[in-house]
PDB file of N, CA and C in Angstrom:
ATOM      1  N   UNK A   1       0.822  -1.194   0.000  1.00  0.00           N
ATOM      2  CA  UNK A   1       0.000   0.000   0.000  1.00  0.00           C
ATOM      3  C   UNK A   1       0.871   1.265   0.000  1.00  0.00           C
ATOM      4  N   UNK A   2       2.051   1.165   0.589  1.00  0.00           N
ATOM      5  CA  UNK A   2       2.959   2.317   0.623  1.00  0.00           C
ATOM      6  C   UNK A   2       3.294   2.772  -0.795  1.00  0.00           C
ATOM      7  N   UNK A   3       3.639   1.829  -1.663  1.00  0.00           N
ATOM      8  CA  UNK A   3       4.009   2.185  -3.032  1.00  0.00           C
ATOM      9  C   UNK A   3       2.826   2.785  -3.794  1.00  0.00           C
ATOM     10  N   UNK A   4       1.649   2.251  -3.568  1.00  0.00           N
ATOM     11  CA  UNK A   4       0.452   2.761  -4.246  1.00  0.00           C
ATOM     12  C   UNK A   4       0.175   4.195  -3.810  1.00  0.00           C
ATOM     13  N   UNK A   5       0.156   4.434  -2.512  1.00  0.00           N
ATOM     14  CA  UNK A   5      -0.126   5.778  -2.006  1.00  0.00           C
ATOM     15  C   UNK A   5       0.960   6.759  -2.438  1.00  0.00           C
ATOM     16  N   UNK A   6       2.200   6.305  -2.457  1.00  0.00           N
ATOM     17  CA  UNK A   6       3.287   7.163  -2.930  1.00  0.00           C
ATOM     18  C   UNK A   6       3.034   7.585  -4.370  1.00  0.00           C
ATOM     19  N   UNK A   7       2.694   6.629  -5.227  1.00  0.00           N
ATOM     20  CA  UNK A   7       2.419   6.955  -6.630  1.00  0.00           C
ATOM     21  C   UNK A   7       1.205   7.865  -6.772  1.00  0.00           C
ATOM     22  N   UNK A   8       0.172   7.637  -5.982  1.00  0.00           N
ATOM     23  CA  UNK A   8      -1.018   8.489  -6.025  1.00  0.00           C
ATOM     24  C   UNK A   8      -0.647   9.923  -5.671  1.00  0.00           C
ATOM     25  N   UNK A   9       0.157  10.100  -4.642  1.00  0.00           N
ATOM     26  CA  UNK A   9       0.561  11.450  -4.241  1.00  0.00           C
ATOM     27  C   UNK A   9       1.447  12.108  -5.303  1.00  0.00           C
ATOM     28  N   UNK A  10       2.314  11.349  -5.925  1.00  0.00           N
ATOM     29  CA  UNK A  10       3.154  11.905  -6.980  1.00  0.00           C
ATOM     30  C   UNK A  10       2.309  12.380  -8.157  1.00  0.00           C
ATOM     31  N   UNK A  11       1.304  11.592  -8.530  1.00  0.00           N
ATOM     32  CA  UNK A  11       0.428  11.981  -9.637  1.00  0.00           C
ATOM     33  C   UNK A  11      -0.391  13.212  -9.262  1.00  0.00           C
ATOM     34  N   UNK A  12      -0.937  13.229  -8.052  1.00  0.00           N
ATOM     35  CA  UNK A  12      -1.721  14.381  -7.624  1.00  0.00           C
ATOM     36  C   UNK A  12      -0.876  15.659  -7.630  1.00  0.00           C
ATOM     37  N   UNK A  13       0.360  15.554  -7.184  1.00  0.00           N
ATOM     38  CA  UNK A  13       1.250  16.713  -7.165  1.00  0.00           C
ATOM     39  C   UNK A  13       1.579  17.170  -8.578  1.00  0.00           C
ATOM     40  N   UNK A  14       1.880  16.233  -9.446  1.00  0.00           N
ATOM     41  CA  UNK A  14       2.185  16.574 -10.835  1.00  0.00           C
ATOM     42  C   UNK A  14       0.985  17.255 -11.494  1.00  0.00           C
ATOM     43  N   UNK A  15      -0.211  16.764 -11.220  1.00  0.00           N
ATOM     44  CA  UNK A  15      -1.414  17.374 -11.794  1.00  0.00           C
ATOM     45  C   UNK A  15      -1.603  18.793 -11.279  1.00  0.00           C
ATOM     46  N   UNK A  16      -1.393  18.997  -9.985  1.00  0.00           N
ATOM     47  CA  UNK A  16      -1.529  20.348  -9.415  1.00  0.00           C
ATOM     48  C   UNK A  16      -0.528  21.320 -10.033  1.00  0.00           C
ATOM     49  N   UNK A  17       0.619  20.785 -10.416  1.00  0.00           N
ATOM     50  CA  UNK A  17       1.662  21.622 -11.015  1.00  0.00           C
ATOM     51  C   UNK A  17       1.472  21.754 -12.525  1.00  0.00           C
ATOM     52  N   UNK A  18       0.487  21.053 -13.066  1.00  0.00           N
ATOM     53  CA  UNK A  18       0.235  21.113 -14.501  1.00  0.00           C
ATOM     54  C   UNK A  18       1.219  20.315 -15.329  1.00  0.00           C
ATOM     55  N   UNK A  19       1.873  19.348 -14.702  1.00  0.00           N
ATOM     56  CA  UNK A  19       2.861  18.531 -15.408  1.00  0.00           C
ATOM     57  C   UNK A  19       2.218  17.265 -15.954  1.00  0.00           C
ATOM     58  N   UNK A  20       2.499  16.922 -17.205  1.00  0.00           N
ATOM     59  CA  UNK A  20       1.982  15.653 -17.726  1.00  0.00           C
ATOM     60  C   UNK A  20       2.725  14.487 -17.083  1.00  0.00           C
ATOM     61  N   UNK A  21       2.018  13.406 -16.878  1.00  0.00           N
ATOM     62  CA  UNK A  21       2.639  12.212 -16.301  1.00  0.00           C
ATOM     63  C   UNK A  21       3.497  11.531 -17.359  1.00  0.00           C
ATOM     64  N   UNK A  22       2.980  11.467 -18.584  1.00  0.00           N
ATOM     65  CA  UNK A  22       3.737  10.960 -19.725  1.00  0.00           C
ATOM     66  C   UNK A  22       3.115  11.556 -20.979  1.00  0.00           C
ATOM     67  N   UNK A  23       3.666  11.255 -22.120  1.00  0.00           N
ATOM     68  CA  UNK A  23       3.194  11.867 -23.363  1.00  0.00           C
ATOM     69  C   UNK A  23       1.758  11.470 -23.710  1.00  0.00           C
ATOM     70  N   UNK A  24       1.291  10.348 -23.171  1.00  0.00           N
ATOM     71  CA  UNK A  24      -0.075   9.894 -23.456  1.00  0.00           C
ATOM     72  C   UNK A  24      -1.069  10.353 -22.388  1.00  0.00           C
ATOM     73  N   UNK A  25      -0.614  11.119 -21.424  1.00  0.00           N
ATOM     74  CA  UNK A  25      -1.471  11.536 -20.314  1.00  0.00           C
ATOM     75  C   UNK A  25      -2.524  12.527 -20.803  1.00  0.00           C
ATOM     76  N   UNK A  26      -3.780  12.115 -20.655  1.00  0.00           N
ATOM     77  CA  UNK A  26      -4.879  12.984 -21.081  1.00  0.00           C
ATOM     78  C   UNK A  26      -5.730  13.424 -19.909  1.00  0.00           C
ATOM     79  N   UNK A  27      -5.300  13.116 -18.711  1.00  0.00           N
ATOM     80  CA  UNK A  27      -6.068  13.534 -17.545  1.00  0.00           C
ATOM     81  C   UNK A  27      -5.895  12.574 -16.404  1.00  0.00           C
ATOM     82  N   UNK A  28      -6.575  12.876 -15.315  1.00  0.00           N
ATOM     83  CA  UNK A  28      -6.376  12.109 -14.092  1.00  0.00           C
ATOM     84  C   UNK A  28      -6.780  10.651 -14.222  1.00  0.00           C
ATOM     85  N   UNK A  29      -7.824  10.362 -14.990  1.00  0.00           N
ATOM     86  CA  UNK A  29      -8.262   8.975 -15.125  1.00  0.00           C
ATOM     87  C   UNK A  29      -7.137   8.122 -15.702  1.00  0.00           C
ATOM     88  N   UNK A  30      -6.511   8.605 -16.763  1.00  0.00           N
ATOM     89  CA  UNK A  30      -5.413   7.881 -17.375  1.00  0.00           C
ATOM     90  C   UNK A  30      -4.265   7.713 -16.379  1.00  0.00           C
ATOM     91  N   UNK A  31      -3.950   8.781 -15.670  1.00  0.00           N
ATOM     92  CA  UNK A  31      -2.846   8.743 -14.718  1.00  0.00           C
ATOM     93  C   UNK A  31      -3.081   7.720 -13.628  1.00  0.00           C
ATOM     94  N   UNK A  32      -4.281   7.743 -13.061  1.00  0.00           N
ATOM     95  CA  UNK A  32      -4.555   6.808 -11.985  1.00  0.00           C
ATOM     96  C   UNK A  32      -4.721   5.382 -12.498  1.00  0.00           C
ATOM     97  N   UNK A  33      -5.217   5.229 -13.709  1.00  0.00           N
ATOM     98  CA  UNK A  33      -5.282   3.886 -14.284  1.00  0.00           C
ATOM     99  C   UNK A  33      -3.887   3.293 -14.402  1.00  0.00           C
ATOM    100  N   UNK A  34      -2.903   4.147 -14.683  1.00  0.00           N
ATOM    101  CA  UNK A  34      -1.513   3.693 -14.723  1.00  0.00           C
ATOM    102  C   UNK A  34      -1.101   3.116 -13.367  1.00  0.00           C
ATOM    103  N   UNK A  35      -1.473   3.800 -12.284  1.00  0.00           N
ATOM    104  CA  UNK A  35      -1.129   3.330 -10.934  1.00  0.00           C
ATOM    105  C   UNK A  35      -1.797   1.999 -10.657  1.00  0.00           C
ATOM    106  N   UNK A  36      -3.094   1.907 -10.975  1.00  0.00           N
ATOM    107  CA  UNK A  36      -3.819   0.652 -10.688  1.00  0.00           C
ATOM    108  C   UNK A  36      -3.175  -0.496 -11.476  1.00  0.00           C
ATOM    109  N   UNK A  37      -2.867  -0.238 -12.738  1.00  0.00           N
ATOM    110  CA  UNK A  37      -2.257  -1.289 -13.569  1.00  0.00           C
ATOM    111  C   UNK A  37      -0.862  -1.653 -13.043  1.00  0.00           C
ATOM    112  N   UNK A  38      -0.065  -0.654 -12.712  1.00  0.00           N
ATOM    113  CA  UNK A  38       1.295  -0.876 -12.222  1.00  0.00           C
ATOM    114  C   UNK A  38       1.301  -1.770 -10.984  1.00  0.00           C
ATOM    115  N   UNK A  39       0.321  -1.574 -10.101  1.00  0.00           N
ATOM    116  CA  UNK A  39       0.290  -2.310  -8.838  1.00  0.00           C
ATOM    117  C   UNK A  39      -0.705  -3.475  -8.839  1.00  0.00           C
ATOM    118  N   UNK A  40      -1.256  -3.755 -10.019  1.00  0.00           N
ATOM    119  CA  UNK A  40      -2.162  -4.900 -10.194  1.00  0.00           C
ATOM    120  C   UNK A  40      -3.374  -4.828  -9.261  1.00  0.00           C
ATOM    121  N   UNK A  41      -3.978  -3.643  -9.199  1.00  0.00           N
ATOM    122  CA  UNK A  41      -5.181  -3.449  -8.399  1.00  0.00           C
ATOM    123  C   UNK A  41      -6.207  -2.692  -9.230  1.00  0.00           C
ATOM    124  N   UNK A  42      -7.392  -2.552  -8.684  1.00  0.00           N
ATOM    125  CA  UNK A  42      -8.413  -1.721  -9.308  1.00  0.00           C
ATOM    126  C   UNK A  42      -8.628  -0.489  -8.437  1.00  0.00           C
ATOM    127  N   UNK A  43      -9.327   0.477  -8.990  1.00  0.00           N
ATOM    128  CA  UNK A  43      -9.656   1.655  -8.193  1.00  0.00           C
ATOM    129  C   UNK A  43     -10.504   1.250  -6.991  1.00  0.00           C
ATOM    130  N   UNK A  44     -11.383   0.272  -7.188  1.00  0.00           N
ATOM    131  CA  UNK A  44     -12.210  -0.227  -6.091  1.00  0.00           C
ATOM    132  C   UNK A  44     -11.348  -0.857  -5.004  1.00  0.00           C
ATOM    133  N   UNK A  45     -10.343  -1.631  -5.392  1.00  0.00           N
ATOM    134  CA  UNK A  45      -9.413  -2.219  -4.416  1.00  0.00           C
ATOM    135  C   UNK A  45      -8.748  -1.113  -3.593  1.00  0.00           C
ATOM    136  N   UNK A  46      -8.297  -0.083  -4.285  1.00  0.00           N
ATOM    137  CA  UNK A  46      -7.626   1.025  -3.618  1.00  0.00           C
ATOM    138  C   UNK A  46      -8.560   1.697  -2.608  1.00  0.00           C
ATOM    139  N   UNK A  47      -9.775   1.988  -3.052  1.00  0.00           N
ATOM    140  CA  UNK A  47     -10.728   2.669  -2.172  1.00  0.00           C
ATOM    141  C   UNK A  47     -11.095   1.809  -0.963  1.00  0.00           C
ATOM    142  N   UNK A  48     -11.248   0.513  -1.176  1.00  0.00           N
ATOM    143  CA  UNK A  48     -11.553  -0.392  -0.053  1.00  0.00           C
ATOM    144  C   UNK A  48     -10.389  -0.435   0.940  1.00  0.00           C
ATOM    145  N   UNK A  49      -9.188  -0.511   0.418  1.00  0.00           N
ATOM    146  CA  UNK A  49      -8.015  -0.545   1.290  1.00  0.00           C
ATOM    147  C   UNK A  49      -7.875   0.755   2.062  1.00  0.00           C
ATOM    148  N   UNK A  50      -8.048   1.865   1.356  1.00  0.00           N
ATOM    149  CA  UNK A  50      -7.940   3.158   2.019  1.00  0.00           C
ATOM    150  C   UNK A  50      -9.014   3.314   3.095  1.00  0.00           C
ATOM    151  N   UNK A  51     -10.205   2.819   2.818  1.00  0.00           N
ATOM    152  CA  UNK A  51     -11.282   2.856   3.812  1.00  0.00           C
ATOM    153  C   UNK A  51     -10.898   2.033   5.044  1.00  0.00           C
ATOM    154  N   UNK A  52     -10.347   0.847   4.812  1.00  0.00           N
ATOM    155  CA  UNK A  52      -9.912   0.002   5.931  1.00  0.00           C
ATOM    156  C   UNK A  52      -8.878   0.731   6.784  1.00  0.00           C
ATOM    157  N   UNK A  53      -7.859   1.288   6.124  1.00  0.00           N
ATOM    158  CA  UNK A  53      -6.784   1.945   6.857  1.00  0.00           C
ATOM    159  C   UNK A  53      -7.259   3.227   7.540  1.00  0.00           C
ATOM    160  N   UNK A  54      -8.221   3.904   6.957  1.00  0.00           N
ATOM    161  CA  UNK A  54      -8.784   5.095   7.584  1.00  0.00           C
ATOM    162  C   UNK A  54      -9.449   4.747   8.912  1.00  0.00           C
ATOM    163  N   UNK A  55     -10.013   3.557   8.971  1.00  0.00           N
ATOM    164  CA  UNK A  55     -10.649   3.097  10.207  1.00  0.00           C
ATOM    165  C   UNK A  55      -9.649   2.435  11.167  1.00  0.00           C
ATOM    166  N   UNK A  56      -8.408   2.373  10.760  1.00  0.00           N
ATOM    167  CA  UNK A  56      -7.332   1.820  11.587  1.00  0.00           C
ATOM    168  C   UNK A  56      -6.165   2.806  11.564  1.00  0.00           C
ATOM    169  N   UNK A  57      -6.335   3.924  12.277  1.00  0.00           N
ATOM    170  CA  UNK A  57      -5.373   5.020  12.159  1.00  0.00           C
ATOM    171  C   UNK A  57      -3.937   4.679  12.551  1.00  0.00           C
ATOM    172  N   UNK A  58      -3.739   3.759  13.450  1.00  0.00           N
ATOM    173  CA  UNK A  58      -2.369   3.399  13.827  1.00  0.00           C
ATOM    174  C   UNK A  58      -1.640   2.765  12.641  1.00  0.00           C
ATOM    175  N   UNK A  59      -2.345   1.929  11.914  1.00  0.00           N
ATOM    176  CA  UNK A  59      -1.748   1.297  10.726  1.00  0.00           C
ATOM    177  C   UNK A  59      -1.528   2.346   9.640  1.00  0.00           C
ATOM    178  N   UNK A  60      -2.528   3.211   9.445  1.00  0.00           N
ATOM    179  CA  UNK A  60      -2.413   4.258   8.423  1.00  0.00           C
ATOM    180  C   UNK A  60      -1.246   5.194   8.740  1.00  0.00           C
ATOM    181  N   UNK A  61      -1.049   5.505  10.002  1.00  0.00           N
ATOM    182  CA  UNK A  61       0.065   6.350  10.403  1.00  0.00           C
ATOM    183  C   UNK A  61       1.396   5.708  10.026  1.00  0.00           C
ATOM    184  N   UNK A  62       1.506   4.418  10.254  1.00  0.00           N
ATOM    185  CA  UNK A  62       2.723   3.690   9.892  1.00  0.00           C
ATOM    186  C   UNK A  62       2.931   3.698   8.381  1.00  0.00           C
ATOM    187  N   UNK A  63       1.865   3.508   7.635  1.00  0.00           N
ATOM    188  CA  UNK A  63       1.948   3.530   6.173  1.00  0.00           C
ATOM    189  C   UNK A  63       2.432   4.897   5.708  1.00  0.00           C
ATOM    190  N   UNK A  64       1.827   5.959   6.248  1.00  0.00           N
ATOM    191  CA  UNK A  64       2.213   7.303   5.815  1.00  0.00           C
ATOM    192  C   UNK A  64       3.627   7.669   6.234  1.00  0.00           C
ATOM    193  N   UNK A  65       4.101   7.121   7.321  1.00  0.00           N
ATOM    194  CA  UNK A  65       5.498   7.337   7.703  1.00  0.00           C
ATOM    195  C   UNK A  65       6.407   6.775   6.614  1.00  0.00           C
ATOM    196  N   UNK A  66       6.060   5.597   6.111  1.00  0.00           N
ATOM    197  CA  UNK A  66       6.841   4.980   5.035  1.00  0.00           C
ATOM    198  C   UNK A  66       6.668   5.723   3.713  1.00  0.00           C
ATOM    199  N   UNK A  67       5.464   6.243   3.452  1.00  0.00           N
ATOM    200  CA  UNK A  67       5.226   7.042   2.250  1.00  0.00           C
ATOM    201  C   UNK A  67       6.128   8.279   2.280  1.00  0.00           C
ATOM    202  N   UNK A  68       6.147   8.960   3.414  1.00  0.00           N
ATOM    203  CA  UNK A  68       6.990  10.160   3.541  1.00  0.00           C
ATOM    204  C   UNK A  68       8.470   9.831   3.375  1.00  0.00           C
ATOM    205  N   UNK A  69       8.901   8.707   3.920  1.00  0.00           N
ATOM    206  CA  UNK A  69      10.293   8.275   3.733  1.00  0.00           C
ATOM    207  C   UNK A  69      10.595   8.024   2.260  1.00  0.00           C
ATOM    208  N   UNK A  70       9.675   7.363   1.577  1.00  0.00           N
ATOM    209  CA  UNK A  70       9.847   7.067   0.163  1.00  0.00           C
ATOM    210  C   UNK A  70       9.922   8.353  -0.661  1.00  0.00           C
ATOM    211  N   UNK A  71       9.015   9.282  -0.385  1.00  0.00           N
ATOM    212  CA  UNK A  71       9.014  10.551  -1.115  1.00  0.00           C
ATOM    213  C   UNK A  71      10.295  11.346  -0.829  1.00  0.00           C
ATOM    214  N   UNK A  72      10.757  11.312   0.394  1.00  0.00           N
ATOM    215  CA  UNK A  72      11.996  12.011   0.747  1.00  0.00           C
ATOM    216  C   UNK A  72      13.190  11.431   0.010  1.00  0.00           C
ATOM    217  N   UNK A  73      13.251  10.114  -0.084  1.00  0.00           N
ATOM    218  CA  UNK A  73      14.347   9.464  -0.815  1.00  0.00           C
ATOM    219  C   UNK A  73      14.302   9.833  -2.295  1.00  0.00           C
ATOM    220  N   UNK A  74      13.097   9.834  -2.873  1.00  0.00           N
ATOM    221  CA  UNK A  74      12.960  10.185  -4.286  1.00  0.00           C
ATOM    222  C   UNK A  74      13.365  11.631  -4.524  1.00  0.00           C
ATOM    223  N   UNK A  75      12.993  12.515  -3.607  1.00  0.00           N
ATOM    224  CA  UNK A  75      13.369  13.924  -3.715  1.00  0.00           C
ATOM    225  C   UNK A  75      14.891  14.066  -3.656  1.00  0.00           C
ATOM    226  N   UNK A  76      15.517  13.363  -2.730  1.00  0.00           N
ATOM    227  CA  UNK A  76      16.976  13.435  -2.599  1.00  0.00           C
ATOM    228  C   UNK A  76      17.667  12.959  -3.876  1.00  0.00           C
ATOM    229  N   UNK A  77      17.161  11.907  -4.479  1.00  0.00           N
ATOM    230  CA  UNK A  77      17.752  11.406  -5.725  1.00  0.00           C
ATOM    231  C   UNK A  77      17.601  12.426  -6.849  1.00  0.00           C
ATOM    232  N   UNK A  78      16.435  13.052  -6.944  1.00  0.00           N
ATOM    233  CA  UNK A  78      16.229  14.066  -7.979  1.00  0.00           C
ATOM    234  C   UNK A  78      17.130  15.275  -7.766  1.00  0.00           C
ATOM    235  N   UNK A  79      17.253  15.705  -6.527  1.00  0.00           N
ATOM    236  CA  UNK A  79      18.125  16.847  -6.241  1.00  0.00           C
ATOM    237  C   UNK A  79      19.579  16.527  -6.533  1.00  0.00           C
ATOM    238  N   UNK A  80      19.993  15.300  -6.239  1.00  0.00           N
ATOM    239  CA  UNK A  80      21.369  14.883  -6.525  1.00  0.00           C
ATOM    240  C   UNK A  80      21.647  14.899  -8.024  1.00  0.00           C
ATOM    241  N   UNK A  81      20.648  14.538  -8.812  1.00  0.00           N
ATOM    242  CA  UNK A  81      20.828  14.546 -10.269  1.00  0.00           C
ATOM    243  C   UNK A  81      20.913  15.960 -10.828  1.00  0.00           C
ATOM    244  N   UNK A  82      20.292  16.904 -10.121  1.00  0.00           N
ATOM    245  CA  UNK A  82      20.272  18.295 -10.596  1.00  0.00           C
ATOM    246  C   UNK A  82      21.533  19.070 -10.228  1.00  0.00           C
ATOM    247  N   UNK A  83      22.266  18.593  -9.242  1.00  0.00           N
ATOM    248  CA  UNK A  83      23.475  19.298  -8.792  1.00  0.00           C
ATOM    249  C   UNK A  83      24.558  19.238  -9.866  1.00  0.00           C
ATOM    250  N   UNK A  84      25.187  20.361 -10.089  1.00  0.00           N
ATOM    251  CA  UNK A  84      26.304  20.338 -11.065  1.00  0.00           C
ATOM    252  C   UNK A  84      27.458  19.502 -10.528  1.00  0.00           C
ATOM    253  N   UNK A  85      28.125  18.852 -11.447  1.00  0.00           N
ATOM    254  CA  UNK A  85      29.248  17.980 -11.047  1.00  0.00           C
ATOM    255  C   UNK A  85      30.556  18.694 -11.136  1.00  0.00           C
TER     256      UNK A  85
END
């Protein structure tokens, strides 16, 4: 679930910034369908899981701690690539 939520947040952020996810990106449906396909789930699976975790805040907190760690690592890698050598 950590990887799924991480990808969902990355797509949401890219959309808010007006960035295309890829050259075939025509909107949020396409973007999120990519996430569902990548992780072999459906949107319904995602919503059911999120509902479960919402009702179990201790587990959700742990998941989001890992999501934040994942996003921080990805940010560090991107910043490292941008630094002049």
